[in-house]
Amino acid sequence: MSTPSNAFIAFQKNEETRCIVEAIVDDNPGAVVVDQPAMVKVDVPGRLVIRRSSVEEKLGRDFDLQELQLHLITISGHLDESDEEFTLSWNT
């Protein structure tokens, strides 16, 4: 059986992305955060999910998942987007 590839997302490093990354880590067991001077990358084996409700809880305000685009550097994985979730995954 093959090991799933990592889905990942990388953001510019700022206060809002700190909250987004905290939400990702809470919702994705196995998430690994790679903190660099100007960016932060999150790797998750197989599937990475960003939930609007989790980000709102961390930010303390309403959040539209389209706001991710303001901070996004790159992604890896097949993207599936709704108003409630932003999902990156690899078919295994």
C-alpha atoms as a PDB file:
ATOM      1  CA  MET A   1       0.000   0.000   0.000  1.00  0.00           C
ATOM      2  CA  SER A   2       1.426   3.382  -0.972  1.00  0.00           C
ATOM      3  CA  THR A   3       1.826   6.287   1.398  1.00  0.00           C
ATOM      4  CA  PRO A   4      -0.414   9.236   0.489  1.00  0.00           C
ATOM      5  CA  SER A   5       1.262  12.342  -0.847  1.00  0.00           C
ATOM      6  CA  ASN A   6       1.125  15.448   1.282  1.00  0.00           C
ATOM      7  CA  ALA A   7      -1.417  18.109   0.454  1.00  0.00           C
ATOM      8  CA  PHE A   8      -0.041  21.491   1.447  1.00  0.00           C
ATOM      9  CA  ILE A   9      -0.792  25.167   1.556  1.00  0.00           C
ATOM     10  CA  ALA A  10       1.592  28.073   2.080  1.00  0.00           C
ATOM     11  CA  PHE A  11       0.653  31.570   3.235  1.00  0.00           C
ATOM     12  CA  GLN A  12       2.367  34.902   3.659  1.00  0.00           C
ATOM     13  CA  LYS A  13       3.237  35.200   7.328  1.00  0.00           C
ATOM     14  CA  ASN A  14       1.010  37.673   9.234  1.00  0.00           C
ATOM     15  CA  GLU A  15      -1.426  37.822  12.145  1.00  0.00           C
ATOM     16  CA  GLU A  16      -4.453  36.620  10.132  1.00  0.00           C
ATOM     17  CA  THR A  17      -2.598  33.635   8.713  1.00  0.00           C
ATOM     18  CA  ARG A  18      -1.462  32.683  12.226  1.00  0.00           C
ATOM     19  CA  CYS A  19      -5.161  32.216  13.096  1.00  0.00           C
ATOM     20  CA  ILE A  20      -5.858  30.347   9.839  1.00  0.00           C
ATOM     21  CA  VAL A  21      -2.937  27.978  10.494  1.00  0.00           C
ATOM     22  CA  GLU A  22      -4.159  27.353  14.062  1.00  0.00           C
ATOM     23  CA  ALA A  23      -7.577  26.375  12.646  1.00  0.00           C
ATOM     24  CA  ILE A  24      -5.953  24.062  10.077  1.00  0.00           C
ATOM     25  CA  VAL A  25      -3.862  22.328  12.748  1.00  0.00           C
ATOM     26  CA  ASP A  26      -6.937  21.848  14.973  1.00  0.00           C
ATOM     27  CA  ASP A  27      -8.969  20.314  12.123  1.00  0.00           C
ATOM     28  CA  ASN A  28      -6.242  18.169  10.517  1.00  0.00           C
ATOM     29  CA  PRO A  29      -4.581  15.511  12.670  1.00  0.00           C
ATOM     30  CA  GLY A  30      -1.079  14.927  11.383  1.00  0.00           C
ATOM     31  CA  ALA A  31      -0.629  18.499  10.126  1.00  0.00           C
ATOM     32  CA  VAL A  32       2.980  19.670  10.142  1.00  0.00           C
ATOM     33  CA  VAL A  33       3.697  23.410  10.238  1.00  0.00           C
ATOM     34  CA  VAL A  34       6.883  24.629   8.561  1.00  0.00           C
ATOM     35  CA  ASP A  35       7.509  28.150   9.834  1.00  0.00           C
ATOM     36  CA  GLN A  36       9.845  30.285   7.729  1.00  0.00           C
ATOM     37  CA  PRO A  37      10.737  33.987   7.985  1.00  0.00           C
ATOM     38  CA  ALA A  38       8.271  35.270   5.346  1.00  0.00           C
ATOM     39  CA  MET A  39       5.847  32.359   5.003  1.00  0.00           C
ATOM     40  CA  VAL A  40       4.227  29.479   6.797  1.00  0.00           C
ATOM     41  CA  LYS A  41       3.509  26.141   5.101  1.00  0.00           C
ATOM     42  CA  VAL A  42       1.208  23.406   6.365  1.00  0.00           C
ATOM     43  CA  ASP A  43       1.657  19.814   5.149  1.00  0.00           C
ATOM     44  CA  VAL A  44      -0.991  17.157   5.748  1.00  0.00           C
ATOM     45  CA  PRO A  45      -0.808  13.548   4.525  1.00  0.00           C
ATOM     46  CA  GLY A  46      -3.478  12.910   1.896  1.00  0.00           C
ATOM     47  CA  ARG A  47      -6.109  15.564   2.664  1.00  0.00           C
ATOM     48  CA  LEU A  48      -6.072  19.091   4.113  1.00  0.00           C
ATOM     49  CA  VAL A  49      -9.338  20.798   5.097  1.00  0.00           C
ATOM     50  CA  ILE A  50      -9.879  24.447   6.026  1.00  0.00           C
ATOM     51  CA  ARG A  51     -13.279  24.986   7.666  1.00  0.00           C
ATOM     52  CA  ARG A  52     -14.839  28.439   7.620  1.00  0.00           C
ATOM     53  CA  SER A  53     -16.323  27.932  11.089  1.00  0.00           C
ATOM     54  CA  SER A  54     -12.934  26.996  12.598  1.00  0.00           C
ATOM     55  CA  VAL A  55     -11.212  30.027  11.070  1.00  0.00           C
ATOM     56  CA  GLU A  56     -14.017  32.303  12.305  1.00  0.00           C
ATOM     57  CA  GLU A  57     -13.569  30.927  15.819  1.00  0.00           C
ATOM     58  CA  LYS A  58      -9.827  31.688  15.770  1.00  0.00           C
ATOM     59  CA  LEU A  59     -10.208  35.131  14.155  1.00  0.00           C
ATOM     60  CA  GLY A  60     -13.203  36.161  16.267  1.00  0.00           C
ATOM     61  CA  ARG A  61     -15.080  37.457  13.216  1.00  0.00           C
ATOM     62  CA  ASP A  62     -16.940  36.344  10.100  1.00  0.00           C
ATOM     63  CA  PHE A  63     -14.657  34.890   7.446  1.00  0.00           C
ATOM     64  CA  ASP A  64     -15.255  34.216   3.757  1.00  0.00           C
ATOM     65  CA  LEU A  65     -13.001  31.417   2.505  1.00  0.00           C
ATOM     66  CA  GLN A  66     -12.254  33.558  -0.564  1.00  0.00           C
ATOM     67  CA  GLU A  67     -10.163  35.703   1.827  1.00  0.00           C
ATOM     68  CA  LEU A  68      -7.580  32.893   1.782  1.00  0.00           C
ATOM     69  CA  GLN A  69      -6.566  34.196  -1.650  1.00  0.00           C
ATOM     70  CA  LEU A  70      -5.278  37.422  -0.051  1.00  0.00           C
ATOM     71  CA  HIS A  71      -2.623  35.509   1.900  1.00  0.00           C
ATOM     72  CA  LEU A  72      -1.996  32.500  -0.327  1.00  0.00           C
ATOM     73  CA  ILE A  73       1.420  31.744  -1.830  1.00  0.00           C
ATOM     74  CA  THR A  74       0.889  28.214  -3.196  1.00  0.00           C
ATOM     75  CA  ILE A  75      -1.088  24.994  -2.821  1.00  0.00           C
ATOM     76  CA  SER A  76      -0.525  21.340  -3.664  1.00  0.00           C
ATOM     77  CA  GLY A  77      -3.396  18.935  -4.208  1.00  0.00           C
ATOM     78  CA  HIS A  78      -6.733  18.748  -5.965  1.00  0.00           C
ATOM     79  CA  LEU A  79      -8.862  21.704  -4.869  1.00  0.00           C
ATOM     80  CA  ASP A  80     -12.502  21.379  -3.841  1.00  0.00           C
ATOM     81  CA  GLU A  81     -14.144  24.558  -2.582  1.00  0.00           C
ATOM     82  CA  SER A  82     -17.505  25.421  -1.054  1.00  0.00           C
ATOM     83  CA  ASP A  83     -18.751  28.248   1.136  1.00  0.00           C
ATOM     84  CA  GLU A  84     -17.955  26.105   4.192  1.00  0.00           C
ATOM     85  CA  GLU A  85     -14.753  24.222   3.313  1.00  0.00           C
ATOM     86  CA  PHE A  86     -11.573  24.552   1.261  1.00  0.00           C
ATOM     87  CA  THR A  87     -10.128  21.068   0.683  1.00  0.00           C
ATOM     88  CA  LEU A  88      -6.870  19.931  -0.895  1.00  0.00           C
ATOM     89  CA  SER A  89      -6.419  16.208  -1.451  1.00  0.00           C
ATOM     90  CA  TRP A  90      -4.605  13.526  -3.397  1.00  0.00           C
ATOM     91  CA  ASN A  91      -6.383  10.436  -4.679  1.00  0.00           C
ATOM     92  CA  THR A  92      -4.560   7.349  -3.473  1.00  0.00           C
END
